[in-house]
Amino acid sequence: MNGSRPRILSGFYRKMGKRTFDLVASLLLLSVLWPLILLVAAATRWKLGQPVLFRQRRPGLGGHPFTLFKFRTMLDTRSSAGDLLPDKERLTPFGEFLRKTSIDELPALWNVIRGDMSLVGPRPLLTEYLPLYNECQARRHEVLPGITGWAQIHGRNDLRWEEKFERDLWYVENYGFRTDLRILARTLWIVVARRGISAQGHASMPKFRGSDP
């Protein structure tokens, strides 16, 4: 009997409680952080120009695309051929500060309110990666993507792609209310410590090219 109770609570959280928790927590965060969001929006326009928000299509639940919102952190500097320069050449000191403090992620709270994302889950990656996943890696789309996740508190961008996907799969199979609370609490510590922000030699991570055979 004692063992069945946690399973019942976990099942309820997965079916109904997680969405309720996401919605309530996101609304509370926005009600507290809206002055900071407005300040950062004004600073972004002054430092980087328009648009203030970075928008990009990302795969969500079931691989279905949605528009991700973040604060812009890079310039649109292009080469003489008209191609965008590498990320590390377009990332400004102001943008780097936003990334190190994870303030650039605040607009994604709107994605959580809309139901595109959860506060906790596998990070939404690029749509171009979808055909590169193997069967196990594709399971990361069995749950809503998150602003933070199990991989983010276990190395973030210091991890190799395969290590990230292993942690994503662990979360898909094991998530629950206590797990999500643990991830959120540890995320706060990692943001303060500014750990794992980028892979060596990259503004964030090298592109995923598919797993080795």
N, C-alpha and C. Protein backbone atom coordinates (compact mmCIF):
# COMPACT_ATOMS: atom_id res chain seq x y z
N MET A 1 0.84 -1.21 0.00
CA MET A 1 0.00 0.00 0.00
C MET A 1 0.86 1.25 0.00
N ASN A 2 1.90 1.24 0.86
CA ASN A 2 2.78 2.41 0.92
C ASN A 2 3.50 2.66 -0.40
N GLY A 3 3.86 1.55 -1.10
CA GLY A 3 4.57 1.70 -2.36
C GLY A 3 3.67 2.19 -3.48
N SER A 4 2.36 1.90 -3.39
CA SER A 4 1.45 2.30 -4.46
C SER A 4 1.13 3.78 -4.42
N ARG A 5 1.20 4.39 -3.25
CA ARG A 5 0.83 5.80 -3.12
C ARG A 5 1.75 6.71 -3.93
N PRO A 6 3.10 6.57 -3.85
CA PRO A 6 3.96 7.42 -4.69
C PRO A 6 3.68 7.22 -6.18
N ARG A 7 3.36 5.97 -6.60
CA ARG A 7 3.08 5.72 -8.01
C ARG A 7 1.80 6.42 -8.44
N ILE A 8 0.80 6.41 -7.58
CA ILE A 8 -0.46 7.10 -7.90
C ILE A 8 -0.23 8.60 -8.02
N LEU A 9 0.53 9.17 -7.06
CA LEU A 9 0.82 10.60 -7.11
C LEU A 9 1.64 10.96 -8.34
N SER A 10 2.61 10.09 -8.68
CA SER A 10 3.43 10.34 -9.86
C SER A 10 2.59 10.30 -11.13
N GLY A 11 1.65 9.33 -11.18
CA GLY A 11 0.78 9.24 -12.35
C GLY A 11 -0.11 10.46 -12.49
N PHE A 12 -0.63 10.95 -11.36
CA PHE A 12 -1.46 12.15 -11.39
C PHE A 12 -0.66 13.36 -11.86
N TYR A 13 0.58 13.48 -11.37
CA TYR A 13 1.41 14.61 -11.77
C TYR A 13 1.68 14.57 -13.27
N ARG A 14 1.95 13.40 -13.80
CA ARG A 14 2.24 13.29 -15.23
C ARG A 14 1.03 13.63 -16.08
N LYS A 15 -0.16 13.24 -15.64
CA LYS A 15 -1.36 13.45 -16.44
C LYS A 15 -1.93 14.86 -16.31
N MET A 16 -1.91 15.41 -15.09
CA MET A 16 -2.57 16.69 -14.85
C MET A 16 -1.72 17.69 -14.07
N GLY A 17 -1.00 17.21 -13.07
CA GLY A 17 -0.32 18.12 -12.15
C GLY A 17 0.82 18.91 -12.78
N LYS A 18 1.54 18.32 -13.71
CA LYS A 18 2.69 19.00 -14.29
C LYS A 18 2.27 20.25 -15.04
N ARG A 19 1.19 20.14 -15.83
CA ARG A 19 0.71 21.31 -16.58
C ARG A 19 0.22 22.39 -15.62
N THR A 20 -0.51 21.98 -14.58
CA THR A 20 -0.99 22.95 -13.60
C THR A 20 0.17 23.65 -12.90
N PHE A 21 1.17 22.86 -12.50
CA PHE A 21 2.35 23.42 -11.85
C PHE A 21 3.06 24.41 -12.78
N ASP A 22 3.25 24.03 -14.05
CA ASP A 22 3.91 24.91 -15.02
C ASP A 22 3.17 26.24 -15.15
N LEU A 23 1.86 26.15 -15.28
CA LEU A 23 1.05 27.36 -15.51
C LEU A 23 1.10 28.29 -14.30
N VAL A 24 0.88 27.74 -13.12
CA VAL A 24 0.87 28.56 -11.90
C VAL A 24 2.25 29.16 -11.64
N ALA A 25 3.29 28.34 -11.74
CA ALA A 25 4.65 28.82 -11.47
C ALA A 25 5.08 29.88 -12.49
N SER A 26 4.74 29.70 -13.76
CA SER A 26 5.12 30.66 -14.79
C SER A 26 4.42 32.00 -14.60
N LEU A 27 3.15 31.96 -14.26
CA LEU A 27 2.41 33.20 -14.01
C LEU A 27 2.97 33.93 -12.79
N LEU A 28 3.32 33.19 -11.76
CA LEU A 28 3.93 33.81 -10.57
C LEU A 28 5.28 34.43 -10.92
N LEU A 29 6.09 33.71 -11.68
CA LEU A 29 7.40 34.24 -12.07
C LEU A 29 7.26 35.50 -12.90
N LEU A 30 6.31 35.50 -13.84
CA LEU A 30 6.11 36.69 -14.66
C LEU A 30 5.61 37.87 -13.84
N SER A 31 4.77 37.60 -12.85
CA SER A 31 4.25 38.69 -12.01
C SER A 31 5.36 39.32 -11.18
N VAL A 32 6.39 38.55 -10.87
CA VAL A 32 7.52 39.06 -10.08
C VAL A 32 8.61 39.67 -10.97
N LEU A 33 8.83 39.04 -12.11
CA LEU A 33 9.99 39.41 -12.95
C LEU A 33 9.67 40.40 -14.07
N TRP A 34 8.41 40.84 -14.21
CA TRP A 34 8.08 41.70 -15.35
C TRP A 34 8.90 43.00 -15.38
N PRO A 35 9.26 43.63 -14.24
CA PRO A 35 10.12 44.82 -14.35
C PRO A 35 11.49 44.49 -14.96
N LEU A 36 12.07 43.36 -14.56
CA LEU A 36 13.35 42.94 -15.12
C LEU A 36 13.21 42.64 -16.61
N ILE A 37 12.13 42.01 -17.01
CA ILE A 37 11.91 41.68 -18.42
C ILE A 37 11.82 42.96 -19.26
N LEU A 38 11.08 43.96 -18.76
CA LEU A 38 10.97 45.23 -19.49
C LEU A 38 12.32 45.93 -19.57
N LEU A 39 13.09 45.89 -18.48
CA LEU A 39 14.41 46.52 -18.45
C LEU A 39 15.36 45.85 -19.45
N VAL A 40 15.35 44.53 -19.48
CA VAL A 40 16.21 43.80 -20.40
C VAL A 40 15.78 44.04 -21.84
N ALA A 41 14.48 44.12 -22.08
CA ALA A 41 13.99 44.39 -23.43
C ALA A 41 14.49 45.75 -23.92
N ALA A 42 14.43 46.77 -23.04
CA ALA A 42 14.91 48.10 -23.41
C ALA A 42 16.42 48.09 -23.65
N ALA A 43 17.16 47.39 -22.79
CA ALA A 43 18.61 47.31 -22.94
C ALA A 43 19.00 46.56 -24.21
N THR A 44 18.26 45.52 -24.54
CA THR A 44 18.54 44.75 -25.75
C THR A 44 18.33 45.60 -27.00
N ARG A 45 17.26 46.38 -27.01
CA ARG A 45 17.02 47.25 -28.16
C ARG A 45 18.13 48.29 -28.29
N TRP A 46 18.60 48.82 -27.16
CA TRP A 46 19.66 49.83 -27.18
C TRP A 46 20.99 49.23 -27.61
N LYS A 47 21.30 48.04 -27.11
CA LYS A 47 22.59 47.42 -27.38
C LYS A 47 22.66 46.72 -28.73
N LEU A 48 21.55 46.04 -29.10
CA LEU A 48 21.58 45.19 -30.28
C LEU A 48 20.61 45.62 -31.38
N GLY A 49 19.74 46.56 -31.07
CA GLY A 49 18.75 46.99 -32.07
C GLY A 49 17.55 46.07 -32.10
N GLN A 50 16.80 46.17 -33.16
CA GLN A 50 15.62 45.33 -33.32
C GLN A 50 15.95 44.13 -34.20
N PRO A 51 15.25 43.03 -34.05
CA PRO A 51 14.19 42.76 -33.05
C PRO A 51 14.78 42.48 -31.67
N VAL A 52 13.99 42.73 -30.65
CA VAL A 52 14.43 42.47 -29.28
C VAL A 52 14.40 40.97 -28.98
N LEU A 53 13.40 40.31 -29.53
CA LEU A 53 13.23 38.88 -29.27
C LEU A 53 13.81 38.04 -30.40
N PHE A 54 14.42 36.94 -30.02
CA PHE A 54 14.87 35.92 -30.96
C PHE A 54 13.76 34.90 -31.08
N ARG A 55 13.32 34.64 -32.30
CA ARG A 55 12.26 33.66 -32.56
C ARG A 55 12.82 32.58 -33.48
N GLN A 56 12.53 31.34 -33.14
CA GLN A 56 13.00 30.24 -33.97
C GLN A 56 12.07 29.04 -33.81
N ARG A 57 11.81 28.36 -34.92
CA ARG A 57 10.99 27.17 -34.87
C ARG A 57 11.79 26.02 -34.27
N ARG A 58 11.23 25.38 -33.26
CA ARG A 58 11.87 24.25 -32.60
C ARG A 58 10.87 23.11 -32.48
N PRO A 59 11.33 21.86 -32.44
CA PRO A 59 10.41 20.73 -32.28
C PRO A 59 9.97 20.57 -30.83
N GLY A 60 8.68 20.39 -30.64
CA GLY A 60 8.14 20.21 -29.30
C GLY A 60 7.64 18.79 -29.09
N LEU A 61 6.55 18.66 -28.37
CA LEU A 61 5.97 17.35 -28.07
C LEU A 61 5.64 16.62 -29.37
N GLY A 62 6.13 15.38 -29.48
CA GLY A 62 5.89 14.61 -30.69
C GLY A 62 6.68 15.10 -31.89
N GLY A 63 7.61 16.02 -31.68
CA GLY A 63 8.38 16.57 -32.78
C GLY A 63 7.67 17.67 -33.54
N HIS A 64 6.47 18.06 -33.09
CA HIS A 64 5.71 19.10 -33.77
C HIS A 64 6.33 20.47 -33.48
N PRO A 65 6.52 21.30 -34.51
CA PRO A 65 7.24 22.56 -34.31
C PRO A 65 6.41 23.63 -33.60
N PHE A 66 7.10 24.48 -32.87
CA PHE A 66 6.51 25.66 -32.25
C PHE A 66 7.54 26.78 -32.33
N THR A 67 7.14 28.01 -32.06
CA THR A 67 8.05 29.15 -32.10
C THR A 67 8.58 29.43 -30.71
N LEU A 68 9.89 29.29 -30.56
CA LEU A 68 10.56 29.54 -29.28
C LEU A 68 10.89 31.03 -29.17
N PHE A 69 10.67 31.61 -27.99
CA PHE A 69 10.99 33.01 -27.74
C PHE A 69 12.14 33.12 -26.75
N LYS A 70 13.13 33.93 -27.08
CA LYS A 70 14.24 34.24 -26.19
C LYS A 70 14.63 35.69 -26.43
N PHE A 71 15.40 36.27 -25.51
CA PHE A 71 15.98 37.58 -25.78
C PHE A 71 17.13 37.41 -26.77
N ARG A 72 17.22 38.32 -27.68
CA ARG A 72 18.30 38.30 -28.66
C ARG A 72 19.64 38.53 -27.97
N THR A 73 20.66 37.78 -28.39
CA THR A 73 21.99 37.92 -27.78
C THR A 73 23.09 38.17 -28.81
N MET A 74 22.76 38.10 -30.10
CA MET A 74 23.79 38.23 -31.13
C MET A 74 23.41 39.28 -32.17
N LEU A 75 24.43 39.83 -32.80
CA LEU A 75 24.24 40.75 -33.92
C LEU A 75 23.97 39.96 -35.20
N ASP A 76 23.45 40.64 -36.21
CA ASP A 76 23.20 40.00 -37.51
C ASP A 76 24.34 40.27 -38.49
N THR A 77 25.55 40.30 -37.98
CA THR A 77 26.71 40.61 -38.81
C THR A 77 26.92 39.52 -39.86
N ARG A 78 27.14 39.94 -41.10
CA ARG A 78 27.29 39.00 -42.22
C ARG A 78 28.61 39.20 -42.95
N SER A 79 29.00 38.17 -43.65
CA SER A 79 30.22 38.24 -44.47
C SER A 79 29.93 38.99 -45.75
N SER A 80 30.98 39.23 -46.57
CA SER A 80 30.79 39.92 -47.83
C SER A 80 29.89 39.15 -48.78
N ALA A 81 29.78 37.82 -48.55
CA ALA A 81 28.90 36.99 -49.39
C ALA A 81 27.46 36.99 -48.89
N GLY A 82 27.22 37.68 -47.77
CA GLY A 82 25.87 37.76 -47.24
C GLY A 82 25.51 36.68 -46.25
N ASP A 83 26.48 35.83 -45.86
CA ASP A 83 26.22 34.76 -44.89
C ASP A 83 26.48 35.27 -43.48
N LEU A 84 25.68 34.79 -42.53
CA LEU A 84 25.89 35.15 -41.13
C LEU A 84 27.25 34.64 -40.67
N LEU A 85 27.96 35.48 -39.90
CA LEU A 85 29.24 35.06 -39.34
C LEU A 85 29.01 34.02 -38.25
N PRO A 86 30.04 33.26 -37.86
CA PRO A 86 29.87 32.27 -36.78
C PRO A 86 29.34 32.92 -35.50
N ASP A 87 28.63 32.12 -34.71
CA ASP A 87 27.98 32.62 -33.50
C ASP A 87 28.95 33.36 -32.59
N LYS A 88 30.15 32.81 -32.38
CA LYS A 88 31.08 33.41 -31.43
C LYS A 88 31.57 34.78 -31.89
N GLU A 89 31.48 35.07 -33.20
CA GLU A 89 31.87 36.38 -33.71
C GLU A 89 30.74 37.39 -33.63
N ARG A 90 29.51 36.90 -33.49
CA ARG A 90 28.35 37.79 -33.41
C ARG A 90 27.85 37.99 -31.98
N LEU A 91 28.35 37.16 -31.07
CA LEU A 91 27.93 37.27 -29.68
C LEU A 91 28.61 38.46 -29.02
N THR A 92 27.82 39.39 -28.50
CA THR A 92 28.35 40.60 -27.89
C THR A 92 28.57 40.38 -26.39
N PRO A 93 29.36 41.23 -25.71
CA PRO A 93 29.51 41.11 -24.26
C PRO A 93 28.18 41.18 -23.53
N PHE A 94 27.28 42.04 -24.01
CA PHE A 94 25.95 42.13 -23.40
C PHE A 94 25.19 40.82 -23.60
N GLY A 95 25.24 40.28 -24.81
CA GLY A 95 24.58 39.01 -25.07
C GLY A 95 25.18 37.88 -24.27
N GLU A 96 26.49 37.90 -24.10
CA GLU A 96 27.15 36.88 -23.31
C GLU A 96 26.70 36.95 -21.85
N PHE A 97 26.51 38.16 -21.34
CA PHE A 97 26.00 38.33 -19.97
C PHE A 97 24.60 37.75 -19.85
N LEU A 98 23.75 38.01 -20.84
CA LEU A 98 22.39 37.46 -20.79
C LEU A 98 22.41 35.94 -20.77
N ARG A 99 23.33 35.34 -21.54
CA ARG A 99 23.42 33.88 -21.57
C ARG A 99 23.98 33.32 -20.27
N LYS A 100 25.01 33.95 -19.74
CA LYS A 100 25.64 33.46 -18.51
C LYS A 100 24.66 33.48 -17.34
N THR A 101 23.80 34.48 -17.33
CA THR A 101 22.82 34.59 -16.24
C THR A 101 21.49 33.91 -16.58
N SER A 102 21.38 33.39 -17.80
CA SER A 102 20.16 32.75 -18.30
C SER A 102 18.98 33.71 -18.39
N ILE A 103 19.26 35.02 -18.34
CA ILE A 103 18.18 36.00 -18.47
C ILE A 103 17.57 35.96 -19.87
N ASP A 104 18.36 35.53 -20.86
CA ASP A 104 17.84 35.43 -22.23
C ASP A 104 16.70 34.43 -22.34
N GLU A 105 16.56 33.53 -21.35
CA GLU A 105 15.51 32.51 -21.38
C GLU A 105 14.16 33.00 -20.85
N LEU A 106 14.11 34.17 -20.24
CA LEU A 106 12.88 34.61 -19.59
C LEU A 106 11.66 34.67 -20.53
N PRO A 107 11.81 35.13 -21.79
CA PRO A 107 10.62 35.13 -22.66
C PRO A 107 10.03 33.75 -22.90
N ALA A 108 10.82 32.69 -22.68
CA ALA A 108 10.29 31.33 -22.86
C ALA A 108 9.20 31.00 -21.85
N LEU A 109 9.06 31.80 -20.79
CA LEU A 109 7.94 31.60 -19.87
C LEU A 109 6.61 31.72 -20.61
N TRP A 110 6.59 32.56 -21.66
CA TRP A 110 5.38 32.69 -22.47
C TRP A 110 5.09 31.38 -23.20
N ASN A 111 6.17 30.69 -23.65
CA ASN A 111 5.99 29.38 -24.27
C ASN A 111 5.39 28.38 -23.29
N VAL A 112 5.80 28.47 -22.02
CA VAL A 112 5.25 27.57 -21.00
C VAL A 112 3.77 27.85 -20.77
N ILE A 113 3.41 29.12 -20.68
CA ILE A 113 2.01 29.50 -20.49
C ILE A 113 1.15 29.04 -21.66
N ARG A 114 1.69 29.14 -22.87
CA ARG A 114 0.95 28.72 -24.07
C ARG A 114 0.83 27.20 -24.17
N GLY A 115 1.67 26.47 -23.44
CA GLY A 115 1.64 25.02 -23.52
C GLY A 115 2.61 24.43 -24.52
N ASP A 116 3.48 25.28 -25.10
CA ASP A 116 4.50 24.78 -26.02
C ASP A 116 5.60 24.04 -25.28
N MET A 117 5.88 24.50 -24.06
CA MET A 117 6.99 23.99 -23.28
C MET A 117 6.56 23.74 -21.84
N SER A 118 7.43 23.08 -21.10
CA SER A 118 7.30 22.93 -19.65
C SER A 118 8.46 23.66 -19.00
N LEU A 119 8.36 23.91 -17.70
CA LEU A 119 9.51 24.48 -17.00
C LEU A 119 10.68 23.50 -17.02
N VAL A 120 10.36 22.20 -16.93
CA VAL A 120 11.40 21.16 -16.88
C VAL A 120 11.13 20.13 -17.96
N GLY A 121 12.17 19.81 -18.72
CA GLY A 121 12.08 18.80 -19.77
C GLY A 121 13.33 18.87 -20.64
N PRO A 122 13.46 18.00 -21.62
CA PRO A 122 14.60 18.09 -22.53
C PRO A 122 14.60 19.43 -23.28
N ARG A 123 15.74 20.04 -23.42
CA ARG A 123 15.82 21.32 -24.12
C ARG A 123 15.38 21.18 -25.58
N PRO A 124 14.59 22.13 -26.10
CA PRO A 124 14.19 22.06 -27.51
C PRO A 124 15.38 22.40 -28.41
N LEU A 125 15.73 21.49 -29.29
CA LEU A 125 16.88 21.67 -30.17
C LEU A 125 16.42 22.12 -31.55
N LEU A 126 17.28 22.04 -32.54
CA LEU A 126 16.94 22.51 -33.88
C LEU A 126 16.11 21.48 -34.63
N THR A 127 15.21 21.96 -35.47
CA THR A 127 14.37 21.05 -36.27
C THR A 127 15.22 20.25 -37.25
N GLU A 128 16.36 20.78 -37.66
CA GLU A 128 17.21 20.06 -38.61
C GLU A 128 17.83 18.80 -38.00
N TYR A 129 17.76 18.68 -36.67
CA TYR A 129 18.31 17.48 -36.02
C TYR A 129 17.34 16.30 -36.06
N LEU A 130 16.07 16.55 -36.32
CA LEU A 130 15.06 15.50 -36.22
C LEU A 130 15.40 14.24 -37.02
N PRO A 131 15.82 14.35 -38.29
CA PRO A 131 16.14 13.11 -39.04
C PRO A 131 17.45 12.45 -38.62
N LEU A 132 18.23 13.11 -37.73
CA LEU A 132 19.52 12.57 -37.32
C LEU A 132 19.43 11.70 -36.06
N TYR A 133 18.30 11.76 -35.36
CA TYR A 133 18.17 11.01 -34.12
C TYR A 133 18.00 9.52 -34.39
N ASN A 134 18.60 8.71 -33.51
CA ASN A 134 18.27 7.28 -33.55
C ASN A 134 16.99 7.07 -32.74
N GLU A 135 16.54 5.82 -32.64
CA GLU A 135 15.25 5.54 -32.01
C GLU A 135 15.20 6.00 -30.56
N CYS A 136 16.28 5.78 -29.82
CA CYS A 136 16.31 6.18 -28.41
C CYS A 136 16.35 7.70 -28.26
N GLN A 137 17.17 8.37 -29.07
CA GLN A 137 17.30 9.81 -28.98
C GLN A 137 15.99 10.51 -29.33
N ALA A 138 15.23 9.94 -30.24
CA ALA A 138 13.96 10.55 -30.65
C ALA A 138 12.93 10.51 -29.53
N ARG A 139 13.14 9.67 -28.52
CA ARG A 139 12.18 9.58 -27.42
C ARG A 139 12.16 10.85 -26.56
N ARG A 140 13.13 11.73 -26.74
CA ARG A 140 13.14 12.99 -25.99
C ARG A 140 11.89 13.81 -26.31
N HIS A 141 11.22 13.50 -27.42
CA HIS A 141 10.02 14.24 -27.82
C HIS A 141 8.74 13.60 -27.30
N GLU A 142 8.88 12.62 -26.40
CA GLU A 142 7.69 12.03 -25.78
C GLU A 142 7.13 12.91 -24.67
N VAL A 143 7.88 13.92 -24.26
CA VAL A 143 7.41 14.89 -23.26
C VAL A 143 7.63 16.29 -23.81
N LEU A 144 6.99 17.26 -23.19
CA LEU A 144 7.20 18.65 -23.60
C LEU A 144 8.66 19.06 -23.36
N PRO A 145 9.24 19.84 -24.26
CA PRO A 145 10.58 20.37 -23.99
C PRO A 145 10.54 21.35 -22.83
N GLY A 146 11.70 21.58 -22.20
CA GLY A 146 11.73 22.42 -21.01
C GLY A 146 12.73 23.56 -21.10
N ILE A 147 12.53 24.56 -20.25
CA ILE A 147 13.49 25.64 -20.12
C ILE A 147 14.77 25.12 -19.48
N THR A 148 14.62 24.21 -18.54
CA THR A 148 15.76 23.51 -17.95
C THR A 148 15.44 22.03 -17.91
N GLY A 149 16.44 21.21 -17.59
CA GLY A 149 16.20 19.78 -17.61
C GLY A 149 17.29 18.99 -16.90
N TRP A 150 17.15 17.67 -16.95
CA TRP A 150 18.11 16.78 -16.28
C TRP A 150 19.51 16.94 -16.86
N ALA A 151 19.62 17.12 -18.17
CA ALA A 151 20.94 17.32 -18.78
C ALA A 151 21.54 18.66 -18.36
N GLN A 152 20.70 19.68 -18.17
CA GLN A 152 21.20 21.01 -17.81
C GLN A 152 21.81 21.05 -16.42
N ILE A 153 21.37 20.17 -15.52
CA ILE A 153 21.95 20.18 -14.18
C ILE A 153 23.06 19.13 -14.04
N HIS A 154 23.35 18.45 -15.15
CA HIS A 154 24.43 17.46 -15.14
C HIS A 154 25.45 17.74 -16.24
N GLY A 155 25.82 19.00 -16.36
CA GLY A 155 26.87 19.34 -17.30
C GLY A 155 26.51 20.40 -18.32
N ARG A 156 25.22 20.54 -18.62
CA ARG A 156 24.78 21.56 -19.55
C ARG A 156 25.54 21.42 -20.88
N ASN A 157 26.21 22.43 -21.35
CA ASN A 157 26.91 22.36 -22.63
C ASN A 157 28.33 21.80 -22.53
N ASP A 158 28.72 21.36 -21.33
CA ASP A 158 29.99 20.64 -21.18
C ASP A 158 29.86 19.19 -21.61
N LEU A 159 28.62 18.71 -21.78
CA LEU A 159 28.38 17.32 -22.14
C LEU A 159 28.53 17.10 -23.64
N ARG A 160 28.91 15.88 -24.02
CA ARG A 160 28.85 15.48 -25.41
C ARG A 160 27.38 15.24 -25.77
N TRP A 161 27.06 15.29 -27.06
CA TRP A 161 25.67 15.12 -27.48
C TRP A 161 25.09 13.80 -26.97
N GLU A 162 25.85 12.71 -27.09
CA GLU A 162 25.34 11.42 -26.66
C GLU A 162 25.03 11.42 -25.17
N GLU A 163 25.86 12.11 -24.38
CA GLU A 163 25.61 12.20 -22.94
C GLU A 163 24.34 12.99 -22.65
N LYS A 164 24.12 14.06 -23.42
CA LYS A 164 22.89 14.84 -23.25
C LYS A 164 21.66 13.98 -23.52
N PHE A 165 21.71 13.24 -24.62
CA PHE A 165 20.55 12.43 -24.99
C PHE A 165 20.28 11.33 -23.98
N GLU A 166 21.34 10.76 -23.40
CA GLU A 166 21.16 9.74 -22.36
C GLU A 166 20.42 10.33 -21.16
N ARG A 167 20.76 11.54 -20.79
CA ARG A 167 20.10 12.19 -19.66
C ARG A 167 18.67 12.60 -20.00
N ASP A 168 18.44 12.99 -21.25
CA ASP A 168 17.07 13.30 -21.69
C ASP A 168 16.19 12.05 -21.58
N LEU A 169 16.73 10.92 -22.01
CA LEU A 169 15.95 9.68 -21.96
C LEU A 169 15.68 9.28 -20.51
N TRP A 170 16.66 9.47 -19.63
CA TRP A 170 16.44 9.18 -18.21
C TRP A 170 15.27 10.00 -17.70
N TYR A 171 15.23 11.28 -18.07
CA TYR A 171 14.14 12.14 -17.58
C TYR A 171 12.80 11.66 -18.12
N VAL A 172 12.73 11.33 -19.39
CA VAL A 172 11.48 10.87 -19.99
C VAL A 172 10.93 9.67 -19.21
N GLU A 173 11.79 8.79 -18.77
CA GLU A 173 11.36 7.57 -18.10
C GLU A 173 11.16 7.73 -16.59
N ASN A 174 11.67 8.81 -16.01
CA ASN A 174 11.67 8.90 -14.55
C ASN A 174 11.09 10.19 -13.97
N TYR A 175 10.61 11.11 -14.78
CA TYR A 175 10.23 12.41 -14.23
C TYR A 175 9.01 12.31 -13.31
N GLY A 176 8.97 13.23 -12.37
CA GLY A 176 7.87 13.33 -11.41
C GLY A 176 8.00 14.67 -10.69
N PHE A 177 7.11 14.90 -9.75
CA PHE A 177 7.07 16.19 -9.06
C PHE A 177 8.35 16.47 -8.30
N ARG A 178 8.83 15.48 -7.52
CA ARG A 178 10.05 15.68 -6.74
C ARG A 178 11.27 15.85 -7.65
N THR A 179 11.29 15.11 -8.74
CA THR A 179 12.40 15.25 -9.70
C THR A 179 12.42 16.65 -10.30
N ASP A 180 11.25 17.16 -10.68
CA ASP A 180 11.17 18.50 -11.26
C ASP A 180 11.60 19.58 -10.25
N LEU A 181 11.16 19.43 -9.01
CA LEU A 181 11.57 20.39 -7.97
C LEU A 181 13.09 20.36 -7.78
N ARG A 182 13.65 19.16 -7.78
CA ARG A 182 15.10 19.02 -7.62
C ARG A 182 15.84 19.69 -8.78
N ILE A 183 15.33 19.51 -10.00
CA ILE A 183 15.98 20.11 -11.16
C ILE A 183 15.90 21.64 -11.10
N LEU A 184 14.74 22.17 -10.73
CA LEU A 184 14.58 23.62 -10.65
C LEU A 184 15.49 24.22 -9.59
N ALA A 185 15.58 23.56 -8.42
CA ALA A 185 16.44 24.07 -7.35
C ALA A 185 17.91 24.06 -7.77
N ARG A 186 18.33 22.97 -8.39
CA ARG A 186 19.74 22.88 -8.81
C ARG A 186 20.04 23.83 -9.96
N THR A 187 19.04 24.10 -10.79
CA THR A 187 19.22 25.05 -11.89
C THR A 187 19.58 26.43 -11.36
N LEU A 188 18.92 26.85 -10.28
CA LEU A 188 19.22 28.15 -9.68
C LEU A 188 20.69 28.22 -9.26
N TRP A 189 21.19 27.14 -8.66
CA TRP A 189 22.59 27.12 -8.23
C TRP A 189 23.53 27.18 -9.43
N ILE A 190 23.20 26.45 -10.50
CA ILE A 190 24.06 26.42 -11.69
C ILE A 190 24.08 27.79 -12.37
N VAL A 191 22.93 28.46 -12.40
CA VAL A 191 22.87 29.81 -13.00
C VAL A 191 23.75 30.76 -12.20
N VAL A 192 23.67 30.70 -10.88
CA VAL A 192 24.50 31.57 -10.04
C VAL A 192 25.98 31.26 -10.23
N ALA A 193 26.30 29.97 -10.33
CA ALA A 193 27.69 29.56 -10.50
C ALA A 193 28.18 29.75 -11.93
N ARG A 194 27.22 29.92 -12.88
CA ARG A 194 27.54 30.12 -14.30
C ARG A 194 28.39 28.99 -14.85
N ARG A 195 27.92 27.79 -14.64
CA ARG A 195 28.65 26.59 -15.07
C ARG A 195 28.07 26.03 -16.36
N GLY A 196 28.99 25.49 -17.23
CA GLY A 196 28.57 24.75 -18.41
C GLY A 196 27.85 25.58 -19.45
N ILE A 197 28.14 26.87 -19.53
CA ILE A 197 27.42 27.75 -20.45
C ILE A 197 27.70 27.42 -21.91
N SER A 198 28.94 27.08 -22.22
CA SER A 198 29.29 26.80 -23.61
C SER A 198 30.36 25.72 -23.67
N ALA A 199 30.34 24.97 -24.79
CA ALA A 199 31.39 24.00 -25.04
C ALA A 199 32.66 24.75 -25.45
N GLN A 200 33.80 24.15 -25.21
CA GLN A 200 35.07 24.81 -25.50
C GLN A 200 35.16 25.17 -26.98
N GLY A 201 35.45 26.44 -27.25
CA GLY A 201 35.61 26.91 -28.62
C GLY A 201 34.31 27.23 -29.33
N HIS A 202 33.18 27.21 -28.60
CA HIS A 202 31.87 27.48 -29.21
C HIS A 202 31.10 28.48 -28.35
N ALA A 203 30.19 29.22 -29.02
CA ALA A 203 29.33 30.13 -28.28
C ALA A 203 28.34 29.37 -27.41
N SER A 204 27.93 28.19 -27.85
CA SER A 204 27.06 27.33 -27.04
C SER A 204 27.50 25.88 -27.20
N MET A 205 27.06 25.24 -28.30
CA MET A 205 27.43 23.84 -28.57
C MET A 205 27.75 23.69 -30.06
N PRO A 206 28.65 22.74 -30.41
CA PRO A 206 28.82 22.43 -31.84
C PRO A 206 27.55 21.78 -32.35
N LYS A 207 27.32 21.84 -33.65
CA LYS A 207 26.12 21.27 -34.22
C LYS A 207 26.13 19.74 -34.10
N PHE A 208 24.95 19.20 -33.91
CA PHE A 208 24.79 17.75 -33.86
C PHE A 208 24.82 17.22 -35.28
N ARG A 209 25.69 16.24 -35.53
CA ARG A 209 25.85 15.68 -36.88
C ARG A 209 25.33 14.25 -36.98
N GLY A 210 24.71 13.76 -35.92
CA GLY A 210 24.28 12.38 -35.89
C GLY A 210 25.23 11.56 -35.03
N SER A 211 24.74 10.47 -34.49
CA SER A 211 25.56 9.64 -33.62
C SER A 211 26.52 8.79 -34.44
N ASP A 212 27.65 8.47 -33.80
CA ASP A 212 28.60 7.55 -34.43
C ASP A 212 27.99 6.16 -34.51
N PRO A 213 28.34 5.39 -35.54
CA PRO A 213 27.81 4.02 -35.65
C PRO A 213 28.22 3.21 -34.44
